Amino acid sequence: MSKKKIKEIFIGSNNKGKLKEIAELLPKKLKIYSNLDFKIPSPKETGFSFQENSLLKAKYFCKKNK
């Protein structure tokens, strides 16, 4: 069984600083997209914690990118 390498990744964030920090941790050949590239607005962060808001955004962007 051969392993497929990830070539692209979507990061659901409007924060350009956060995107830059994440990009610096990932392989340079990886193409990084964000909701800014697709002009998808972020959902309101209505959770009570960072974890709840992260899950809310992940589900939202997953539905928007199908």
C-alpha atoms as a PDB file:
ATOM      1  CA  MET A   1       0.000   0.000   0.000  1.00  0.00           C
ATOM      2  CA  SER A   2       1.474   3.354  -1.022  1.00  0.00           C
ATOM      3  CA  LYS A   3       1.142   6.451   1.116  1.00  0.00           C
ATOM      4  CA  LYS A   4      -0.301   9.570  -0.447  1.00  0.00           C
ATOM      5  CA  LYS A   5       1.440  12.784   0.489  1.00  0.00           C
ATOM      6  CA  ILE A   6      -0.650  15.775   1.386  1.00  0.00           C
ATOM      7  CA  LYS A   7      -0.031  18.506  -1.197  1.00  0.00           C
ATOM      8  CA  GLU A   8      -2.618  21.063  -0.116  1.00  0.00           C
ATOM      9  CA  ILE A   9      -4.228  22.121   3.157  1.00  0.00           C
ATOM     10  CA  PHE A  10      -7.051  24.466   4.098  1.00  0.00           C
ATOM     11  CA  ILE A  11      -6.743  26.525   7.270  1.00  0.00           C
ATOM     12  CA  GLY A  12      -9.927  28.258   8.406  1.00  0.00           C
ATOM     13  CA  SER A  13      -8.628  31.563   9.718  1.00  0.00           C
ATOM     14  CA  ASN A  14      -8.840  35.239   8.783  1.00  0.00           C
ATOM     15  CA  ASN A  15      -5.810  35.987  10.941  1.00  0.00           C
ATOM     16  CA  LYS A  16      -2.871  36.501   8.574  1.00  0.00           C
ATOM     17  CA  GLY A  17      -0.397  36.311  11.466  1.00  0.00           C
ATOM     18  CA  LYS A  18      -1.790  32.963  12.562  1.00  0.00           C
ATOM     19  CA  LEU A  19      -1.688  31.683   8.975  1.00  0.00           C
ATOM     20  CA  LYS A  20       1.973  32.712   8.719  1.00  0.00           C
ATOM     21  CA  GLU A  21       2.829  30.984  12.011  1.00  0.00           C
ATOM     22  CA  ILE A  22       1.119  27.771  10.903  1.00  0.00           C
ATOM     23  CA  ALA A  23       2.786  27.912   7.464  1.00  0.00           C
ATOM     24  CA  GLU A  24       6.205  28.150   9.135  1.00  0.00           C
ATOM     25  CA  LEU A  25       5.511  24.844  10.925  1.00  0.00           C
ATOM     26  CA  LEU A  26       4.485  22.987   7.767  1.00  0.00           C
ATOM     27  CA  PRO A  27       6.594  21.677   4.858  1.00  0.00           C
ATOM     28  CA  LYS A  28       7.483  24.432   2.385  1.00  0.00           C
ATOM     29  CA  LYS A  29       6.139  22.470  -0.614  1.00  0.00           C
ATOM     30  CA  LEU A  30       2.659  22.302   0.927  1.00  0.00           C
ATOM     31  CA  LYS A  31       0.150  24.667  -0.724  1.00  0.00           C
ATOM     32  CA  ILE A  32      -1.811  26.458   1.990  1.00  0.00           C
ATOM     33  CA  TYR A  33      -5.269  27.891   1.434  1.00  0.00           C
ATOM     34  CA  SER A  34      -7.487  29.815   3.805  1.00  0.00           C
ATOM     35  CA  ASN A  35     -11.044  31.071   3.696  1.00  0.00           C
ATOM     36  CA  LEU A  36      -9.563  34.391   2.533  1.00  0.00           C
ATOM     37  CA  ASP A  37      -8.547  32.704  -0.746  1.00  0.00           C
ATOM     38  CA  PHE A  38     -12.131  31.654  -1.395  1.00  0.00           C
ATOM     39  CA  LYS A  39     -13.808  34.722   0.109  1.00  0.00           C
ATOM     40  CA  ILE A  40     -15.704  32.564   2.616  1.00  0.00           C
ATOM     41  CA  PRO A  41     -16.658  34.580   5.706  1.00  0.00           C
ATOM     42  CA  SER A  42     -15.859  33.081   9.088  1.00  0.00           C
ATOM     43  CA  PRO A  43     -18.715  31.962  11.298  1.00  0.00           C
ATOM     44  CA  LYS A  44     -19.416  33.757  14.568  1.00  0.00           C
ATOM     45  CA  GLU A  45     -17.409  32.219  17.374  1.00  0.00           C
ATOM     46  CA  THR A  46     -20.219  31.465  19.817  1.00  0.00           C
ATOM     47  CA  GLY A  47     -18.454  28.743  21.797  1.00  0.00           C
ATOM     48  CA  PHE A  48     -17.340  29.186  25.386  1.00  0.00           C
ATOM     49  CA  SER A  49     -13.773  28.023  24.778  1.00  0.00           C
ATOM     50  CA  PHE A  50     -11.044  27.990  22.160  1.00  0.00           C
ATOM     51  CA  GLN A  51     -11.767  24.292  21.608  1.00  0.00           C
ATOM     52  CA  GLU A  52     -15.500  24.843  21.050  1.00  0.00           C
ATOM     53  CA  ASN A  53     -14.840  27.675  18.593  1.00  0.00           C
ATOM     54  CA  SER A  54     -12.239  25.603  16.741  1.00  0.00           C
ATOM     55  CA  LEU A  55     -14.704  22.747  16.309  1.00  0.00           C
ATOM     56  CA  LEU A  56     -17.453  25.162  15.240  1.00  0.00           C
ATOM     57  CA  LYS A  57     -15.171  26.664  12.562  1.00  0.00           C
ATOM     58  CA  ALA A  58     -13.920  23.258  11.389  1.00  0.00           C
ATOM     59  CA  LYS A  59     -17.465  21.983  10.835  1.00  0.00           C
ATOM     60  CA  TYR A  60     -18.511  25.232   9.141  1.00  0.00           C
ATOM     61  CA  PHE A  61     -15.575  25.327   6.709  1.00  0.00           C
ATOM     62  CA  CYS A  62     -15.904  21.609   5.979  1.00  0.00           C
ATOM     63  CA  LYS A  63     -19.471  22.193   4.777  1.00  0.00           C
ATOM     64  CA  LYS A  64     -18.459  25.277   2.776  1.00  0.00           C
ATOM     65  CA  ASN A  65     -15.621  23.507   0.933  1.00  0.00           C
ATOM     66  CA  LYS A  66     -17.571  20.543  -0.438  1.00  0.00           C
END
